Amino acid sequence: MKRMAWVYIVRCSDGSYYVGSTLDLDRRMAQHNAGEGAAYTRTRRPVVLVWCEHHDDVANAFASENQIQGWSRAKREALIEGRMRDLPGLAWGYSGERRDGAT
């Protein structure tokens, strides 16, 4: 039986973003804010959930988490704000430059 999972982004107290995945979103948010979550968020509390997406299985959630972790801040913010049409233009090319020509 497949287990359902979540991919999420939290905004930390310093304005940075943390991307993670979990089977229990409420429990994980409580862990982050209690200093029991990832080492990255322990010194950046409180954290606020700004985006989440449900997946039908853990493997898909983990793949999505890894993909989003590789994104630029601008691309993550477009996702958070629901600007899906902006996502392709914010992708990084192999040259290390954004496809839209911005640096």
PDB file of N, CA and C in Angstrom:
ATOM      1  N   MET A   1       0.836  -1.188   0.000  1.00  0.00           N
ATOM      2  CA  MET A   1       0.000   0.000   0.000  1.00  0.00           C
ATOM      3  C   MET A   1       0.879   1.250   0.000  1.00  0.00           C
ATOM      4  N   LYS A   2       0.577   2.175  -0.889  1.00  0.00           N
ATOM      5  CA  LYS A   2       1.337   3.413  -0.966  1.00  0.00           C
ATOM      6  C   LYS A   2       0.918   4.359   0.152  1.00  0.00           C
ATOM      7  N   ARG A   3       1.883   5.106   0.659  1.00  0.00           N
ATOM      8  CA  ARG A   3       1.605   6.090   1.702  1.00  0.00           C
ATOM      9  C   ARG A   3       1.597   7.476   1.077  1.00  0.00           C
ATOM     10  N   MET A   4       0.615   8.283   1.430  1.00  0.00           N
ATOM     11  CA  MET A   4       0.515   9.637   0.904  1.00  0.00           C
ATOM     12  C   MET A   4       1.487  10.551   1.644  1.00  0.00           C
ATOM     13  N   ALA A   5       1.988  11.555   0.945  1.00  0.00           N
ATOM     14  CA  ALA A   5       2.994  12.442   1.527  1.00  0.00           C
ATOM     15  C   ALA A   5       2.794  13.875   1.053  1.00  0.00           C
ATOM     16  N   TRP A   6       3.459  14.774   1.724  1.00  0.00           N
ATOM     17  CA  TRP A   6       3.407  16.206   1.422  1.00  0.00           C
ATOM     18  C   TRP A   6       4.797  16.737   1.099  1.00  0.00           C
ATOM     19  N   VAL A   7       4.854  17.683   0.176  1.00  0.00           N
ATOM     20  CA  VAL A   7       6.039  18.508  -0.049  1.00  0.00           C
ATOM     21  C   VAL A   7       5.639  19.895   0.415  1.00  0.00           C
ATOM     22  N   TYR A   8       6.543  20.599   1.082  1.00  0.00           N
ATOM     23  CA  TYR A   8       6.178  21.894   1.641  1.00  0.00           C
ATOM     24  C   TYR A   8       7.347  22.872   1.593  1.00  0.00           C
ATOM     25  N   ILE A   9       6.999  24.151   1.668  1.00  0.00           N
ATOM     26  CA  ILE A   9       7.991  25.219   1.800  1.00  0.00           C
ATOM     27  C   ILE A   9       7.585  26.050   3.002  1.00  0.00           C
ATOM     28  N   VAL A  10       8.554  26.318   3.876  1.00  0.00           N
ATOM     29  CA  VAL A  10       8.320  27.228   4.992  1.00  0.00           C
ATOM     30  C   VAL A  10       9.206  28.454   4.815  1.00  0.00           C
ATOM     31  N   ARG A  11       8.696  29.589   5.280  1.00  0.00           N
ATOM     32  CA  ARG A  11       9.506  30.806   5.337  1.00  0.00           C
ATOM     33  C   ARG A  11      10.045  30.894   6.755  1.00  0.00           C
ATOM     34  N   CYS A  12      11.352  31.013   6.872  1.00  0.00           N
ATOM     35  CA  CYS A  12      12.002  31.090   8.174  1.00  0.00           C
ATOM     36  C   CYS A  12      12.017  32.531   8.663  1.00  0.00           C
ATOM     37  N   SER A  13      12.330  32.712   9.940  1.00  0.00           N
ATOM     38  CA  SER A  13      12.305  34.047  10.549  1.00  0.00           C
ATOM     39  C   SER A  13      13.302  35.001   9.904  1.00  0.00           C
ATOM     40  N   ASP A  14      14.350  34.478   9.262  1.00  0.00           N
ATOM     41  CA  ASP A  14      15.329  35.341   8.588  1.00  0.00           C
ATOM     42  C   ASP A  14      14.960  35.608   7.129  1.00  0.00           C
ATOM     43  N   GLY A  15      13.780  35.138   6.692  1.00  0.00           N
ATOM     44  CA  GLY A  15      13.316  35.363   5.327  1.00  0.00           C
ATOM     45  C   GLY A  15      13.733  34.284   4.342  1.00  0.00           C
ATOM     46  N   SER A  16      14.558  33.345   4.769  1.00  0.00           N
ATOM     47  CA  SER A  16      14.972  32.260   3.881  1.00  0.00           C
ATOM     48  C   SER A  16      13.850  31.224   3.786  1.00  0.00           C
ATOM     49  N   TYR A  17      13.990  30.329   2.816  1.00  0.00           N
ATOM     50  CA  TYR A  17      13.006  29.267   2.616  1.00  0.00           C
ATOM     51  C   TYR A  17      13.637  27.910   2.894  1.00  0.00           C
ATOM     52  N   TYR A  18      12.823  27.005   3.409  1.00  0.00           N
ATOM     53  CA  TYR A  18      13.237  25.621   3.621  1.00  0.00           C
ATOM     54  C   TYR A  18      12.217  24.739   2.913  1.00  0.00           C
ATOM     55  N   VAL A  19      12.702  23.781   2.131  1.00  0.00           N
ATOM     56  CA  VAL A  19      11.847  22.843   1.400  1.00  0.00           C
ATOM     57  C   VAL A  19      11.987  21.471   2.046  1.00  0.00           C
ATOM     58  N   GLY A  20      10.866  20.823   2.311  1.00  0.00           N
ATOM     59  CA  GLY A  20      10.907  19.497   2.912  1.00  0.00           C
ATOM     60  C   GLY A  20       9.747  18.637   2.457  1.00  0.00           C
ATOM     61  N   SER A  21       9.723  17.410   2.952  1.00  0.00           N
ATOM     62  CA  SER A  21       8.609  16.503   2.680  1.00  0.00           C
ATOM     63  C   SER A  21       8.316  15.720   3.955  1.00  0.00           C
ATOM     64  N   THR A  22       7.084  15.269   4.078  1.00  0.00           N
ATOM     65  CA  THR A  22       6.652  14.584   5.296  1.00  0.00           C
ATOM     66  C   THR A  22       5.383  13.786   5.040  1.00  0.00           C
ATOM     67  N   LEU A  23       5.114  12.851   5.927  1.00  0.00           N
ATOM     68  CA  LEU A  23       3.857  12.112   5.881  1.00  0.00           C
ATOM     69  C   LEU A  23       2.774  12.816   6.685  1.00  0.00           C
ATOM     70  N   ASP A  24       3.168  13.621   7.667  1.00  0.00           N
ATOM     71  CA  ASP A  24       2.222  14.301   8.561  1.00  0.00           C
ATOM     72  C   ASP A  24       2.594  15.780   8.642  1.00  0.00           C
ATOM     73  N   LEU A  25       1.929  16.600   7.861  1.00  0.00           N
ATOM     74  CA  LEU A  25       2.288  18.013   7.735  1.00  0.00           C
ATOM     75  C   LEU A  25       2.121  18.776   9.048  1.00  0.00           C
ATOM     76  N   ASP A  26       1.029  18.573   9.748  1.00  0.00           N
ATOM     77  CA  ASP A  26       0.811  19.280  11.016  1.00  0.00           C
ATOM     78  C   ASP A  26       1.897  18.946  12.039  1.00  0.00           C
ATOM     79  N   ARG A  27       2.217  17.673  12.149  1.00  0.00           N
ATOM     80  CA  ARG A  27       3.253  17.242  13.092  1.00  0.00           C
ATOM     81  C   ARG A  27       4.607  17.837  12.720  1.00  0.00           C
ATOM     82  N   ARG A  28       4.904  17.851  11.420  1.00  0.00           N
ATOM     83  CA  ARG A  28       6.204  18.363  10.973  1.00  0.00           C
ATOM     84  C   ARG A  28       6.329  19.858  11.241  1.00  0.00           C
ATOM     85  N   MET A  29       5.256  20.627  11.028  1.00  0.00           N
ATOM     86  CA  MET A  29       5.314  22.063  11.313  1.00  0.00           C
ATOM     87  C   MET A  29       5.544  22.295  12.807  1.00  0.00           C
ATOM     88  N   ALA A  30       4.876  21.497  13.637  1.00  0.00           N
ATOM     89  CA  ALA A  30       5.076  21.612  15.087  1.00  0.00           C
ATOM     90  C   ALA A  30       6.522  21.284  15.452  1.00  0.00           C
ATOM     91  N   GLN A  31       7.097  20.271  14.812  1.00  0.00           N
ATOM     92  CA  GLN A  31       8.495  19.918  15.072  1.00  0.00           C
ATOM     93  C   GLN A  31       9.428  21.060  14.698  1.00  0.00           C
ATOM     94  N   HIS A  32       9.223  21.626  13.518  1.00  0.00           N
ATOM     95  CA  HIS A  32      10.082  22.747  13.095  1.00  0.00           C
ATOM     96  C   HIS A  32      10.025  23.881  14.114  1.00  0.00           C
ATOM     97  N   ASN A  33       8.833  24.238  14.535  1.00  0.00           N
ATOM     98  CA  ASN A  33       8.683  25.381  15.440  1.00  0.00           C
ATOM     99  C   ASN A  33       9.087  25.077  16.879  1.00  0.00           C
ATOM    100  N   ALA A  34       9.224  23.803  17.218  1.00  0.00           N
ATOM    101  CA  ALA A  34       9.698  23.420  18.547  1.00  0.00           C
ATOM    102  C   ALA A  34      11.215  23.221  18.561  1.00  0.00           C
ATOM    103  N   GLY A  35      11.856  23.435  17.414  1.00  0.00           N
ATOM    104  CA  GLY A  35      13.299  23.232  17.333  1.00  0.00           C
ATOM    105  C   GLY A  35      13.692  21.777  17.190  1.00  0.00           C
ATOM    106  N   GLU A  36      12.738  20.933  16.835  1.00  0.00           N
ATOM    107  CA  GLU A  36      12.989  19.501  16.684  1.00  0.00           C
ATOM    108  C   GLU A  36      13.037  19.081  15.218  1.00  0.00           C
ATOM    109  N   GLY A  37      12.879  20.030  14.325  1.00  0.00           N
ATOM    110  CA  GLY A  37      12.880  19.719  12.903  1.00  0.00           C
ATOM    111  C   GLY A  37      14.293  19.694  12.356  1.00  0.00           C
ATOM    112  N   ALA A  38      14.432  20.045  11.116  1.00  0.00           N
ATOM    113  CA  ALA A  38      15.725  20.057  10.450  1.00  0.00           C
ATOM    114  C   ALA A  38      16.680  21.037  11.126  1.00  0.00           C
ATOM    115  N   ALA A  39      17.957  20.727  11.082  1.00  0.00           N
ATOM    116  CA  ALA A  39      18.975  21.600  11.681  1.00  0.00           C
ATOM    117  C   ALA A  39      18.889  23.008  11.104  1.00  0.00           C
ATOM    118  N   TYR A  40      18.572  23.113   9.810  1.00  0.00           N
ATOM    119  CA  TYR A  40      18.506  24.429   9.167  1.00  0.00           C
ATOM    120  C   TYR A  40      17.473  25.329   9.830  1.00  0.00           C
ATOM    121  N   THR A  41      16.333  24.781  10.197  1.00  0.00           N
ATOM    122  CA  THR A  41      15.255  25.611  10.746  1.00  0.00           C
ATOM    123  C   THR A  41      15.382  25.852  12.250  1.00  0.00           C
ATOM    124  N   ARG A  42      16.202  25.085  12.936  1.00  0.00           N
ATOM    125  CA  ARG A  42      16.300  25.219  14.401  1.00  0.00           C
ATOM    126  C   ARG A  42      16.672  26.621  14.851  1.00  0.00           C
ATOM    127  N   THR A  43      17.569  27.264  14.130  1.00  0.00           N
ATOM    128  CA  THR A  43      18.016  28.615  14.511  1.00  0.00           C
ATOM    129  C   THR A  43      17.287  29.700  13.733  1.00  0.00           C
ATOM    130  N   ARG A  44      16.261  29.323  12.997  1.00  0.00           N
ATOM    131  CA  ARG A  44      15.530  30.281  12.161  1.00  0.00           C
ATOM    132  C   ARG A  44      14.038  30.256  12.479  1.00  0.00           C
ATOM    133  N   ARG A  45      13.702  30.008  13.723  1.00  0.00           N
ATOM    134  CA  ARG A  45      12.305  29.939  14.150  1.00  0.00           C
ATOM    135  C   ARG A  45      11.809  31.312  14.551  1.00  0.00           C
ATOM    136  N   PRO A  46      10.492  31.507  14.453  1.00  0.00           N
ATOM    137  CA  PRO A  46       9.493  30.537  13.986  1.00  0.00           C
ATOM    138  C   PRO A  46       9.497  30.430  12.464  1.00  0.00           C
ATOM    139  N   VAL A  47       8.955  29.327  11.982  1.00  0.00           N
ATOM    140  CA  VAL A  47       8.772  29.141  10.550  1.00  0.00           C
ATOM    141  C   VAL A  47       7.283  29.206  10.250  1.00  0.00           C
ATOM    142  N   VAL A  48       6.967  29.620   9.019  1.00  0.00           N
ATOM    143  CA  VAL A  48       5.571  29.738   8.587  1.00  0.00           C
ATOM    144  C   VAL A  48       5.397  28.937   7.302  1.00  0.00           C
ATOM    145  N   LEU A  49       4.402  28.083   7.271  1.00  0.00           N
ATOM    146  CA  LEU A  49       4.101  27.313   6.065  1.00  0.00           C
ATOM    147  C   LEU A  49       3.579  28.267   5.000  1.00  0.00           C
ATOM    148  N   VAL A  50       4.257  28.301   3.835  1.00  0.00           N
ATOM    149  CA  VAL A  50       3.828  29.208   2.762  1.00  0.00           C
ATOM    150  C   VAL A  50       3.350  28.464   1.518  1.00  0.00           C
ATOM    151  N   TRP A  51       3.637  27.166   1.431  1.00  0.00           N
ATOM    152  CA  TRP A  51       3.196  26.385   0.267  1.00  0.00           C
ATOM    153  C   TRP A  51       3.263  24.908   0.630  1.00  0.00           C
ATOM    154  N   CYS A  52       2.307  24.142   0.115  1.00  0.00           N
ATOM    155  CA  CYS A  52       2.371  22.688   0.270  1.00  0.00           C
ATOM    156  C   CYS A  52       1.633  22.028  -0.887  1.00  0.00           C
ATOM    157  N   GLU A  53       2.013  20.776  -1.144  1.00  0.00           N
ATOM    158  CA  GLU A  53       1.408  20.005  -2.224  1.00  0.00           C
ATOM    159  C   GLU A  53       1.325  18.553  -1.778  1.00  0.00           C
ATOM    160  N   HIS A  54       0.176  17.953  -1.995  1.00  0.00           N
ATOM    161  CA  HIS A  54      -0.068  16.566  -1.606  1.00  0.00           C
ATOM    162  C   HIS A  54       0.346  15.633  -2.737  1.00  0.00           C
ATOM    163  N   HIS A  55       0.984  14.530  -2.400  1.00  0.00           N
ATOM    164  CA  HIS A  55       1.383  13.515  -3.380  1.00  0.00           C
ATOM    165  C   HIS A  55       0.811  12.168  -2.968  1.00  0.00           C
ATOM    166  N   ASP A  56       0.538  11.342  -3.960  1.00  0.00           N
ATOM    167  CA  ASP A  56      -0.060  10.036  -3.697  1.00  0.00           C
ATOM    168  C   ASP A  56       0.914   9.027  -3.100  1.00  0.00           C
ATOM    169  N   ASP A  57       2.207   9.272  -3.244  1.00  0.00           N
ATOM    170  CA  ASP A  57       3.163   8.364  -2.617  1.00  0.00           C
ATOM    171  C   ASP A  57       4.444   9.103  -2.237  1.00  0.00           C
ATOM    172  N   VAL A  58       5.199   8.480  -1.364  1.00  0.00           N
ATOM    173  CA  VAL A  58       6.406   9.081  -0.807  1.00  0.00           C
ATOM    174  C   VAL A  58       7.458   9.323  -1.889  1.00  0.00           C
ATOM    175  N   ALA A  59       7.601   8.402  -2.822  1.00  0.00           N
ATOM    176  CA  ALA A  59       8.621   8.540  -3.865  1.00  0.00           C
ATOM    177  C   ALA A  59       8.386   9.792  -4.704  1.00  0.00           C
ATOM    178  N   ASN A  60       7.140  10.047  -5.078  1.00  0.00           N
ATOM    179  CA  ASN A  60       6.833  11.249  -5.858  1.00  0.00           C
ATOM    180  C   ASN A  60       7.071  12.511  -5.040  1.00  0.00           C
ATOM    181  N   ALA A  61       6.716  12.483  -3.775  1.00  0.00           N
ATOM    182  CA  ALA A  61       6.934  13.645  -2.909  1.00  0.00           C
ATOM    183  C   ALA A  61       8.423  13.931  -2.776  1.00  0.00           C
ATOM    184  N   PHE A  62       9.219  12.888  -2.587  1.00  0.00           N
ATOM    185  CA  PHE A  62      10.660  13.069  -2.433  1.00  0.00           C
ATOM    186  C   PHE A  62      11.282  13.610  -3.717  1.00  0.00           C
ATOM    187  N   ALA A  63      10.825  13.120  -4.868  1.00  0.00           N
ATOM    188  CA  ALA A  63      11.334  13.620  -6.148  1.00  0.00           C
ATOM    189  C   ALA A  63      10.984  15.092  -6.326  1.00  0.00           C
ATOM    190  N   SER A  64       9.770  15.474  -5.975  1.00  0.00           N
ATOM    191  CA  SER A  64       9.348  16.874  -6.071  1.00  0.00           C
ATOM    192  C   SER A  64      10.154  17.749  -5.117  1.00  0.00           C
ATOM    193  N   GLU A  65      10.374  17.268  -3.890  1.00  0.00           N
ATOM    194  CA  GLU A  65      11.182  18.008  -2.916  1.00  0.00           C
ATOM    195  C   GLU A  65      12.580  18.269  -3.469  1.00  0.00           C
ATOM    196  N   ASN A  66      13.212  17.248  -4.011  1.00  0.00           N
ATOM    197  CA  ASN A  66      14.561  17.404  -4.564  1.00  0.00           C
ATOM    198  C   ASN A  66      14.588  18.385  -5.721  1.00  0.00           C
ATOM    199  N   GLN A  67      13.569  18.356  -6.558  1.00  0.00           N
ATOM    200  CA  GLN A  67      13.505  19.281  -7.683  1.00  0.00           C
ATOM    201  C   GLN A  67      13.404  20.718  -7.187  1.00  0.00           C
ATOM    202  N   ILE A  68      12.494  20.980  -6.268  1.00  0.00           N
ATOM    203  CA  ILE A  68      12.274  22.340  -5.766  1.00  0.00           C
ATOM    204  C   ILE A  68      13.491  22.844  -4.998  1.00  0.00           C
ATOM    205  N   GLN A  69      14.193  21.961  -4.304  1.00  0.00           N
ATOM    206  CA  GLN A  69      15.396  22.370  -3.579  1.00  0.00           C
ATOM    207  C   GLN A  69      16.453  22.935  -4.524  1.00  0.00           C
ATOM    208  N   GLY A  70      16.437  22.493  -5.765  1.00  0.00           N
ATOM    209  CA  GLY A  70      17.403  22.979  -6.742  1.00  0.00           C
ATOM    210  C   GLY A  70      17.005  24.282  -7.417  1.00  0.00           C
ATOM    211  N   TRP A  71      15.833  24.781  -7.119  1.00  0.00           N
ATOM    212  CA  TRP A  71      15.338  25.996  -7.758  1.00  0.00           C
ATOM    213  C   TRP A  71      15.911  27.252  -7.112  1.00  0.00           C
ATOM    214  N   SER A  72      15.930  28.314  -7.884  1.00  0.00           N
ATOM    215  CA  SER A  72      16.332  29.627  -7.371  1.00  0.00           C
ATOM    216  C   SER A  72      15.261  30.165  -6.427  1.00  0.00           C
ATOM    217  N   ARG A  73      15.633  31.164  -5.654  1.00  0.00           N
ATOM    218  CA  ARG A  73      14.672  31.823  -4.768  1.00  0.00           C
ATOM    219  C   ARG A  73      13.515  32.404  -5.580  1.00  0.00           C
ATOM    220  N   ALA A  74      13.826  33.019  -6.724  1.00  0.00           N
ATOM    221  CA  ALA A  74      12.791  33.632  -7.562  1.00  0.00           C
ATOM    222  C   ALA A  74      11.793  32.587  -8.052  1.00  0.00           C
ATOM    223  N   LYS A  75      12.288  31.425  -8.425  1.00  0.00           N
ATOM    224  CA  LYS A  75      11.396  30.376  -8.912  1.00  0.00           C
ATOM    225  C   LYS A  75      10.545  29.817  -7.769  1.00  0.00           C
ATOM    226  N   ARG A  76      11.136  29.655  -6.593  1.00  0.00           N
ATOM    227  CA  ARG A  76      10.357  29.206  -5.431  1.00  0.00           C
ATOM    228  C   ARG A  76       9.260  30.215  -5.096  1.00  0.00           C
ATOM    229  N   GLU A  77       9.582  31.500  -5.171  1.00  0.00           N
ATOM    230  CA  GLU A  77       8.581  32.525  -4.864  1.00  0.00           C
ATOM    231  C   GLU A  77       7.462  32.535  -5.894  1.00  0.00           C
ATOM    232  N   ALA A  78       7.787  32.276  -7.159  1.00  0.00           N
ATOM    233  CA  ALA A  78       6.741  32.173  -8.181  1.00  0.00           C
ATOM    234  C   ALA A  78       5.802  31.009  -7.853  1.00  0.00           C
ATOM    235  N   LEU A  79       6.357  29.885  -7.417  1.00  0.00           N
ATOM    236  CA  LEU A  79       5.542  28.734  -7.021  1.00  0.00           C
ATOM    237  C   LEU A  79       4.656  29.090  -5.831  1.00  0.00           C
ATOM    238  N   ILE A  80       5.234  29.699  -4.817  1.00  0.00           N
ATOM    239  CA  ILE A  80       4.494  30.085  -3.611  1.00  0.00           C
ATOM    240  C   ILE A  80       3.341  31.020  -3.961  1.00  0.00           C
ATOM    241  N   GLU A  81       3.596  31.954  -4.874  1.00  0.00           N
ATOM    242  CA  GLU A  81       2.596  32.952  -5.262  1.00  0.00           C
ATOM    243  C   GLU A  81       1.624  32.441  -6.314  1.00  0.00           C
ATOM    244  N   GLY A  82       1.808  31.207  -6.779  1.00  0.00           N
ATOM    245  CA  GLY A  82       0.899  30.626  -7.759  1.00  0.00           C
ATOM    246  C   GLY A  82       1.116  31.127  -9.179  1.00  0.00           C
ATOM    247  N   ARG A  83       2.279  31.680  -9.456  1.00  0.00           N
ATOM    248  CA  ARG A  83       2.580  32.198 -10.795  1.00  0.00           C
ATOM    249  C   ARG A  83       3.201  31.084 -11.650  1.00  0.00           C
ATOM    250  N   MET A  84       2.394  30.084 -11.962  1.00  0.00           N
ATOM    251  CA  MET A  84       2.884  28.903 -12.666  1.00  0.00           C
ATOM    252  C   MET A  84       3.419  29.224 -14.057  1.00  0.00           C
ATOM    253  N   ARG A  85       2.839  30.207 -14.714  1.00  0.00           N
ATOM    254  CA  ARG A  85       3.312  30.562 -16.059  1.00  0.00           C
ATOM    255  C   ARG A  85       4.722  31.135 -16.036  1.00  0.00           C
ATOM    256  N   ASP A  86       5.153  31.661 -14.894  1.00  0.00           N
ATOM    257  CA  ASP A  86       6.494  32.233 -14.780  1.00  0.00           C
ATOM    258  C   ASP A  86       7.576  31.178 -14.554  1.00  0.00           C
ATOM    259  N   LEU A  87       7.200  29.988 -14.138  1.00  0.00           N
ATOM    260  CA  LEU A  87       8.192  28.975 -13.766  1.00  0.00           C
ATOM    261  C   LEU A  87       9.166  28.614 -14.891  1.00  0.00           C
ATOM    262  N   PRO A  88       8.708  28.351 -16.119  1.00  0.00           N
ATOM    263  CA  PRO A  88       9.673  27.997 -17.167  1.00  0.00           C
ATOM    264  C   PRO A  88      10.701  29.097 -17.436  1.00  0.00           C
ATOM    265  N   GLY A  89      10.297  30.343 -17.381  1.00  0.00           N
ATOM    266  CA  GLY A  89      11.218  31.447 -17.631  1.00  0.00           C
ATOM    267  C   GLY A  89      12.228  31.651 -16.524  1.00  0.00           C
ATOM    268  N   LEU A  90      11.979  31.060 -15.378  1.00  0.00           N
ATOM    269  CA  LEU A  90      12.893  31.189 -14.244  1.00  0.00           C
ATOM    270  C   LEU A  90      13.835  29.997 -14.121  1.00  0.00           C
ATOM    271  N   ALA A  91      13.772  29.090 -15.083  1.00  0.00           N
ATOM    272  CA  ALA A  91      14.643  27.915 -15.051  1.00  0.00           C
ATOM    273  C   ALA A  91      16.073  28.311 -15.397  1.00  0.00           C
ATOM    274  N   TRP A  92      17.011  27.613 -14.791  1.00  0.00           N
ATOM    275  CA  TRP A  92      18.431  27.851 -15.071  1.00  0.00           C
ATOM    276  C   TRP A  92      18.846  26.996 -16.259  1.00  0.00           C
ATOM    277  N   GLY A  93      19.604  27.576 -17.164  1.00  0.00           N
ATOM    278  CA  GLY A  93      20.147  26.827 -18.289  1.00  0.00           C
ATOM    279  C   GLY A  93      21.455  26.166 -17.888  1.00  0.00           C
ATOM    280  N   TYR A  94      21.998  25.351 -18.752  1.00  0.00           N
ATOM    281  CA  TYR A  94      23.252  24.668 -18.453  1.00  0.00           C
ATOM    282  C   TYR A  94      24.420  25.634 -18.328  1.00  0.00           C
ATOM    283  N   SER A  95      24.296  26.826 -18.892  1.00  0.00           N
ATOM    284  CA  SER A  95      25.378  27.808 -18.824  1.00  0.00           C
ATOM    285  C   SER A  95      25.442  28.493 -17.471  1.00  0.00           C
ATOM    286  N   GLY A  96      24.456  28.245 -16.610  1.00  0.00           N
ATOM    287  CA  GLY A  96      24.426  28.898 -15.311  1.00  0.00           C
ATOM    288  C   GLY A  96      23.672  30.207 -15.340  1.00  0.00           C
ATOM    289  N   GLU A  97      23.128  30.566 -16.497  1.00  0.00           N
ATOM    290  CA  GLU A  97      22.335  31.786 -16.616  1.00  0.00           C
ATOM    291  C   GLU A  97      20.873  31.405 -16.745  1.00  0.00           C
ATOM    292  N   ARG A  98      20.022  32.294 -16.270  1.00  0.00           N
ATOM    293  CA  ARG A  98      18.595  32.045 -16.423  1.00  0.00           C
ATOM    294  C   ARG A  98      18.226  32.140 -17.895  1.00  0.00           C
ATOM    295  N   ARG A  99      17.235  31.393 -18.289  1.00  0.00           N
ATOM    296  CA  ARG A  99      16.809  31.378 -19.688  1.00  0.00           C
ATOM    297  C   ARG A  99      16.234  32.707 -20.143  1.00  0.00           C
ATOM    298  N   ASP A 100      15.717  33.505 -19.195  1.00  0.00           N
ATOM    299  CA  ASP A 100      15.144  34.791 -19.586  1.00  0.00           C
ATOM    300  C   ASP A 100      16.215  35.866 -19.733  1.00  0.00           C
ATOM    301  N   GLY A 101      17.489  35.493 -19.542  1.00  0.00           N
ATOM    302  CA  GLY A 101      18.584  36.435 -19.733  1.00  0.00           C
ATOM    303  C   GLY A 101      18.960  37.223 -18.496  1.00  0.00           C
ATOM    304  N   ALA A 102      18.159  37.153 -17.435  1.00  0.00           N
ATOM    305  CA  ALA A 102      18.484  37.876 -16.197  1.00  0.00           C
ATOM    306  C   ALA A 102      19.634  37.171 -15.489  1.00  0.00           C
ATOM    307  N   THR A 103      20.309  37.892 -14.625  1.00  0.00           N
ATOM    308  CA  THR A 103      21.414  37.274 -13.875  1.00  0.00           C
ATOM    309  C   THR A 103      21.096  37.215 -12.409  1.00  0.00           C
TER     310      THR A 103
END
